[in-house]
Amino acid sequence: MKVTLTVNGQVCAAECEPRRTLADFLRHDLGFTGVHVGCEHGVCGACTITFDGATARACCLLAVQADGAEVTTVEGLAADGELSALQQAFRDQHGLQCGFCTPGVLATAAELLATNPDPSEAEIREALAGNLCRCTGYQFIVDAVRAAAASKQT
């Protein structure tokens, strides 16, 4: 089937099997390799993207379900080759280690900051509870989200 969607502001189309997940379609068919596939059950959060304005697990959606949708991957967070304030905060605060969970965490944190520009530490931890990280212990991730929130307020 032909699937057409807008990814990071760019209209993309490709043929795929009806059973292909959106995560695999984005990574392998369209080349958006920032979409990571971990558990393939929607548990780890590595494949989190923005789907029509809300975060979603790309491994739990079929590509054909996304036909006509607007998707933002981690590649779409940067603008004009510059890191977003959130991405820069992750870099500055060491909010990433191996980087496997980072795309999903960034998508989740971006949604949080869009709806709550000044979240408490508890609100950040609750929002990120669905994103598993085995490297950081989460404190640096929380610090990065707090720094990004603070940078947008100044």
Protein backbone atom coordinates (compact mmCIF):
# COMPACT_ATOMS: atom_id res chain seq x y z
CA MET A 1 0.00 0.00 0.00
CA LYS A 2 1.13 3.56 -0.60
CA VAL A 3 1.44 5.63 2.57
CA THR A 4 1.82 9.39 2.44
CA LEU A 5 2.48 11.43 5.56
CA THR A 6 4.18 14.63 6.59
CA VAL A 7 7.34 14.01 8.59
CA ASN A 8 9.09 16.98 10.17
CA GLY A 9 7.27 19.29 7.77
CA GLN A 10 8.22 17.30 4.66
CA VAL A 11 5.68 15.26 2.67
CA CYS A 12 6.94 11.69 2.36
CA ALA A 13 5.45 8.72 0.54
CA ALA A 14 6.44 5.10 0.08
CA GLU A 15 4.95 1.70 -0.56
CA CYS A 16 4.82 -0.74 2.33
CA GLU A 17 3.19 -3.92 3.50
CA PRO A 18 -0.03 -3.31 5.46
CA ARG A 19 1.50 -5.03 8.52
CA ARG A 20 4.60 -2.75 8.65
CA THR A 21 4.89 -0.73 11.84
CA LEU A 22 5.18 3.01 11.68
CA ALA A 23 8.54 2.76 13.47
CA ASP A 24 9.97 0.47 10.79
CA PHE A 25 8.41 2.56 8.02
CA LEU A 26 9.97 5.76 9.37
CA ARG A 27 13.39 4.17 9.98
CA HIS A 28 13.83 1.81 7.07
CA ASP A 29 11.61 3.17 4.32
CA LEU A 30 11.91 6.92 4.91
CA GLY A 31 15.34 7.10 6.56
CA PHE A 32 14.39 8.76 9.86
CA THR A 33 16.79 6.68 11.91
CA GLY A 34 16.23 8.73 15.06
CA VAL A 35 13.17 6.56 15.64
CA HIS A 36 14.57 3.76 17.78
CA VAL A 37 12.92 0.39 18.24
CA GLY A 38 13.44 -1.28 21.57
CA CYS A 39 10.79 -3.53 23.00
CA GLU A 40 8.34 -3.45 20.06
CA HIS A 41 5.47 -3.54 22.58
CA GLY A 42 5.13 0.16 23.49
CA VAL A 43 6.72 -0.32 26.90
CA CYS A 44 10.21 1.21 26.61
CA GLY A 45 9.34 4.51 24.89
CA ALA A 46 12.36 4.52 22.56
CA CYS A 47 10.10 4.85 19.51
CA THR A 48 8.08 7.79 20.85
CA ILE A 49 7.21 10.37 18.20
CA THR A 50 4.68 13.15 17.86
CA PHE A 51 1.70 11.92 15.86
CA ASP A 52 -0.86 14.57 14.86
CA GLY A 53 0.20 16.73 17.80
CA ALA A 54 0.44 14.14 20.58
CA THR A 55 3.14 11.67 21.53
CA ALA A 56 2.63 8.10 20.39
CA ARG A 57 4.59 4.87 20.28
CA ALA A 58 5.54 4.29 16.64
CA CYS A 59 6.03 0.57 17.26
CA CYS A 60 2.35 0.21 18.20
CA LEU A 61 1.02 1.91 15.08
CA LEU A 62 0.89 0.55 11.60
CA ALA A 63 2.26 2.72 8.82
CA VAL A 64 -1.08 2.52 7.02
CA GLN A 65 -2.72 4.09 10.09
CA ALA A 66 -0.46 7.09 9.64
CA ASP A 67 -1.55 7.78 6.06
CA GLY A 68 -2.26 11.51 5.93
CA ALA A 69 -0.88 12.15 9.43
CA GLU A 70 1.66 14.70 10.59
CA VAL A 71 4.63 13.17 12.40
CA THR A 72 7.58 14.74 14.18
CA THR A 73 10.65 12.64 14.93
CA VAL A 74 13.70 13.65 16.92
CA GLU A 75 15.22 14.93 13.67
CA GLY A 76 12.41 17.48 13.50
CA LEU A 77 13.18 19.07 16.86
CA ALA A 78 16.20 20.98 15.51
CA ALA A 79 15.62 24.02 13.33
CA ASP A 80 17.94 25.28 10.60
CA GLY A 81 20.70 22.93 11.75
CA GLU A 82 20.62 24.29 15.29
CA LEU A 83 19.71 22.19 18.31
CA SER A 84 16.47 23.11 20.02
CA ALA A 85 16.70 24.51 23.56
CA LEU A 86 15.68 21.07 24.83
CA GLN A 87 18.31 19.25 22.80
CA GLN A 88 20.97 21.74 23.88
CA ALA A 89 19.96 21.28 27.52
CA PHE A 90 20.34 17.50 27.16
CA ARG A 91 23.80 18.07 25.75
CA ASP A 92 24.80 20.58 28.43
CA GLN A 93 23.35 18.59 31.35
CA HIS A 94 24.63 15.19 30.17
CA GLY A 95 21.05 13.99 29.79
CA LEU A 96 22.11 11.23 27.45
CA GLN A 97 24.55 8.42 27.71
CA CYS A 98 24.30 5.73 25.05
CA GLY A 99 21.55 7.74 23.32
CA PHE A 100 19.21 4.86 22.63
CA CYS A 101 16.32 6.21 24.72
CA THR A 102 17.07 9.85 23.93
CA PRO A 103 14.79 10.36 20.88
CA GLY A 104 11.76 9.08 22.77
CA VAL A 105 12.65 11.02 25.91
CA LEU A 106 13.09 14.20 23.88
CA ALA A 107 9.70 13.75 22.19
CA THR A 108 8.04 13.18 25.55
CA ALA A 109 9.82 16.12 27.18
CA ALA A 110 8.97 18.41 24.26
CA GLU A 111 5.28 17.56 24.66
CA LEU A 112 5.52 18.17 28.41
CA LEU A 113 7.14 21.59 27.95
CA ALA A 114 4.60 22.55 25.28
CA THR A 115 1.75 21.89 27.69
CA ASN A 116 3.51 22.82 30.94
CA PRO A 117 6.34 25.33 30.41
CA ASP A 118 7.41 25.25 34.07
CA PRO A 119 7.03 21.68 35.34
CA SER A 120 8.13 20.62 38.79
CA GLU A 121 10.61 17.80 39.22
CA ALA A 122 7.74 15.48 40.16
CA GLU A 123 5.81 16.45 37.01
CA ILE A 124 8.87 15.82 34.86
CA ARG A 125 9.43 12.41 36.44
CA GLU A 126 5.77 11.49 35.98
CA ALA A 127 5.77 12.57 32.32
CA LEU A 128 8.94 10.58 31.62
CA ALA A 129 7.84 7.48 33.54
CA GLY A 130 7.01 5.70 30.29
CA ASN A 131 10.51 6.13 28.87
CA LEU A 132 13.03 3.59 30.07
CA CYS A 133 16.73 4.45 30.33
CA ARG A 134 19.36 2.01 31.53
CA CYS A 135 22.29 4.44 31.58
CA THR A 136 21.58 7.74 33.30
CA GLY A 137 19.58 7.00 36.41
CA TYR A 138 17.22 9.75 35.15
CA GLN A 139 18.63 12.60 37.27
CA PHE A 140 20.57 14.14 34.38
CA ILE A 141 17.50 13.77 32.15
CA VAL A 142 15.35 15.58 34.74
CA ASP A 143 18.03 18.26 35.10
CA ALA A 144 18.06 18.73 31.33
CA VAL A 145 14.29 19.18 31.13
CA ARG A 146 14.41 21.67 34.02
CA ALA A 147 17.23 23.58 32.30
CA ALA A 148 15.28 23.68 29.03
CA ALA A 149 12.23 25.00 30.88
CA ALA A 150 14.33 27.67 32.59
CA SER A 151 15.95 28.73 29.31
CA LYS A 152 12.56 29.34 27.73
CA GLN A 153 11.49 31.56 30.63
CA THR A 154 14.41 33.96 30.36
